[in-house]
Amino acid sequence: MKRLALLACASLFLLAAHAADPAKPTAVAATLESGKVHEECMRVEKGEKRRYHWKASAPVDFNIHRHEGNEVFYPVKRNAMRGDGGTFTADVGADYCWMWTARDKPAKLEGGIK
């Protein structure tokens, strides 16, 4: 009986911890060949925030986008960047993708999203 009560308490603790911070950090690490893409996609509900940061060894195009039917919406879009960061707030609940595209040179990419 004590074991069952302990298990129930542990389960409630884990559920409360997940509810307090449902966003798990995502490490970003990739080597992109010229013209190739790397994406990290996740569900973000309306009003939720995600902090992100990244750097690249060569200029890359970067965006945060979501799909709605045949349309693509770009709340963040930057060209020829070697790094960026900030806080993204979702205007609608959707699956959003952080996307990097290597330009005319290969690029090593490192960063994170939380």
Protein backbone atom coordinates (compact mmCIF):
# COMPACT_ATOMS: atom_id res chain seq x y z
CA MET A 1 0.00 0.00 0.00
CA LYS A 2 2.85 2.40 0.85
CA ARG A 3 4.44 1.61 -2.49
CA LEU A 4 1.18 2.47 -4.33
CA ALA A 5 0.86 5.77 -2.43
CA LEU A 6 4.49 6.63 -3.18
CA LEU A 7 3.97 5.86 -6.86
CA ALA A 8 0.84 8.04 -6.95
CA CYS A 9 2.70 10.96 -5.31
CA ALA A 10 5.60 10.62 -7.72
CA SER A 11 3.21 10.59 -10.70
CA LEU A 12 1.47 13.74 -9.48
CA PHE A 13 4.83 15.47 -9.00
CA LEU A 14 5.92 14.58 -12.56
CA LEU A 15 2.61 15.80 -14.01
CA ALA A 16 2.90 19.10 -12.11
CA ALA A 17 6.49 19.57 -13.26
CA HIS A 18 5.50 18.97 -16.89
CA ALA A 19 2.56 21.41 -16.63
CA ALA A 20 4.86 24.09 -15.20
CA ASP A 21 7.26 23.87 -18.18
CA PRO A 22 5.83 21.81 -21.06
CA ALA A 23 8.50 23.04 -23.51
CA LYS A 24 11.47 20.73 -23.55
CA PRO A 25 14.73 22.26 -24.76
CA THR A 26 15.72 21.27 -28.28
CA ALA A 27 19.39 21.32 -29.22
CA VAL A 28 20.12 22.41 -32.77
CA ALA A 29 23.23 20.93 -34.39
CA ALA A 30 23.66 20.26 -38.10
CA THR A 31 26.08 20.57 -40.96
CA LEU A 32 24.32 21.90 -44.05
CA GLU A 33 25.64 21.43 -47.55
CA SER A 34 25.19 24.33 -49.96
CA GLY A 35 21.46 24.83 -50.70
CA LYS A 36 20.32 22.26 -48.11
CA VAL A 37 17.83 22.79 -45.28
CA HIS A 38 17.58 21.87 -41.60
CA GLU A 39 14.28 22.15 -39.70
CA GLU A 40 13.21 21.77 -36.08
CA CYS A 41 9.41 21.63 -35.75
CA MET A 42 7.21 21.69 -32.66
CA ARG A 43 3.70 22.47 -31.51
CA VAL A 44 3.33 25.95 -29.99
CA GLU A 45 -0.05 27.05 -28.67
CA LYS A 46 -1.41 30.60 -29.07
CA GLY A 47 0.41 32.97 -26.71
CA GLU A 48 3.14 30.46 -25.80
CA LYS A 49 6.73 31.63 -26.08
CA ARG A 50 9.89 29.87 -27.25
CA ARG A 51 13.36 31.30 -26.75
CA TYR A 52 15.86 30.47 -29.46
CA HIS A 53 19.48 31.16 -30.33
CA TRP A 54 21.80 29.90 -33.03
CA LYS A 55 25.05 30.58 -34.85
CA ALA A 56 26.40 29.37 -38.17
CA SER A 57 29.90 29.15 -39.65
CA ALA A 58 28.68 30.72 -42.91
CA PRO A 59 25.65 32.89 -43.82
CA VAL A 60 22.31 31.04 -43.87
CA ASP A 61 18.71 32.04 -44.48
CA PHE A 62 16.56 31.57 -41.36
CA ASN A 63 12.84 31.60 -40.72
CA ILE A 64 10.15 30.45 -38.34
CA HIS A 65 7.08 29.36 -40.28
CA ARG A 66 3.80 27.48 -40.08
CA HIS A 67 1.57 25.90 -42.71
CA GLU A 68 -2.15 26.54 -43.03
CA GLY A 69 -3.58 24.58 -45.94
CA ASN A 70 -1.53 25.51 -49.00
CA GLU A 71 -0.31 28.76 -47.44
CA VAL A 72 2.91 29.27 -45.48
CA PHE A 73 3.14 32.05 -42.88
CA TYR A 74 6.52 33.48 -41.82
CA PRO A 75 6.36 35.33 -38.49
CA VAL A 76 10.20 35.52 -38.58
CA LYS A 77 12.30 35.66 -41.76
CA ARG A 78 15.97 36.64 -42.06
CA ASN A 79 18.41 36.32 -44.96
CA ALA A 80 22.18 35.82 -44.99
CA MET A 81 22.62 35.63 -41.21
CA ARG A 82 25.46 34.04 -39.22
CA GLY A 83 23.46 34.01 -35.99
CA ASP A 84 20.26 35.20 -34.36
CA GLY A 85 18.18 34.75 -31.25
CA GLY A 86 15.14 36.02 -29.47
CA THR A 87 11.77 35.10 -28.08
CA PHE A 88 9.06 33.88 -30.44
CA THR A 89 5.39 34.20 -29.38
CA ALA A 90 2.82 32.18 -31.34
CA ASP A 91 -0.05 34.24 -32.75
CA VAL A 92 -2.11 31.06 -33.30
CA GLY A 93 -1.75 27.51 -32.02
CA ALA A 94 0.05 25.50 -34.71
CA ASP A 95 3.06 23.38 -35.60
CA TYR A 96 5.89 25.85 -36.16
CA CYS A 97 9.23 25.09 -37.82
CA TRP A 98 12.56 26.82 -37.26
CA MET A 99 14.29 26.46 -40.64
CA TRP A 100 17.84 27.19 -41.82
CA THR A 101 18.97 27.09 -45.46
CA ALA A 102 22.64 27.12 -46.42
CA ARG A 103 23.43 29.60 -49.16
CA ASP A 104 26.39 29.13 -51.53
CA LYS A 105 28.69 27.52 -48.91
CA PRO A 106 28.30 24.64 -46.46
CA ALA A 107 27.52 25.80 -42.92
CA LYS A 108 27.86 24.27 -39.46
CA LEU A 109 24.85 25.19 -37.33
CA GLU A 110 24.60 25.18 -33.50
CA GLY A 111 21.99 26.51 -31.11
CA GLY A 112 18.88 25.73 -29.14
CA ILE A 113 15.15 26.27 -28.76
CA LYS A 114 13.34 26.28 -25.43
